[in-house]
Amino acid sequence: MTGTAQLESRCELIPGAPSTGEQRVTDATGRAPEEHPRDAHPAGVCAAARIRAAHHGRATTLPVLHSDGPFHLRRLRPCGARARVTVIGAMSAPLGGDRLVLDVAAGARAELAMTTAASTIALRGPTTDPATYDVRLSVGEQASLHWLPQPVINTCGSTLHQTYDVELAPTSRLLLREEQVLGRTAEPPGHLTTRLTVRRDAQLILEQHTSYGGPAPAWDGPAILGQHRATGQLLVVEPDMDPTHEPLFIGDNPAEGCAVVAPLAKGEAMLATAVASTPAHLRRLLDAAFTHIVSART
């Protein structure tokens, strides 16, 4: 990662490249491909998409690129040795009762960057049952994964439970950004819960749970979001990062939003957490946090 690293890249689809492909093999971490999630509501959708990245010679290849349900996976033009994939929504999702899984594994020495073509919009759907959206990320030895999706928009009447389960090797690198927008313009949000769990070398380095909207107590109070309706975080994990940096506060106008960048207590990692009045300002805060983290390494 360098100071010129870009958090956003222009989507360039490879002409004629197949969008899906599957090999019935285990990935570089030894895990078998995930089966469809169970226990969906009869009106909901069960879908499990899989991406496997492997290092071959000078480049990273994608031996498994399996689309499913609302997840339509497309290869983008690689950036140097780094393979790039975007997730395109093939249908409205997540809706109430859906059970969605996106499973991504970068094998040893592989370099993979992932994004989404548009924001993920959580809607109520035909049932009031919650939707679940599980993202599973695995990064092997000396491998690198950038997970930079567009925001999740939690609309009025929806209930979404989103989880991130991240497994890192001791020498792997991770850049992860997640953003949530609570409600569309002039509407109250639905209920959104998120859980982020990160393990490095099988040791827990971060576990964070948040709950917004609906029955969550005091989520819009001054100790949590206040008047802000956009929130997100940026996590950087690198084996050569100095974890002794002092926390940094970012934000000249608290009414528009602010961010805090701090090292994690365990592991060579830094976490930026931000709240903002608009998604655009949230992105600017997280970009500023990324710039600070990069400069702290040099």
Foldseek 3Di string as FASTA:
>chain_A
DALPDDLDDDFAFDPPDDQFAADQDAAQVRDGADDWDDDFDPQAATWEWEWGWEDDDQAIDTNGGGAIQQWGKTWGDADGRETEIETEGPDQDDEARYEYEYEYEYHALHHYEYEYPEEREYYHPPHLHAYEYEYEYEYYANYEYEYRYDAYEFAPSHHYEYEYHYEEELAYKYKYKYKYFAHDPPGGGDKYKYWYWYDYNNHTQDIDIDIDDDPDPCCCPPVHAPQFGMKMKIKIAHNQADQPDDKDKADPDPQAKIKIWHGTPDHRMIMIIMTGNDPVVNVVRRVVNVSVRNVNSD
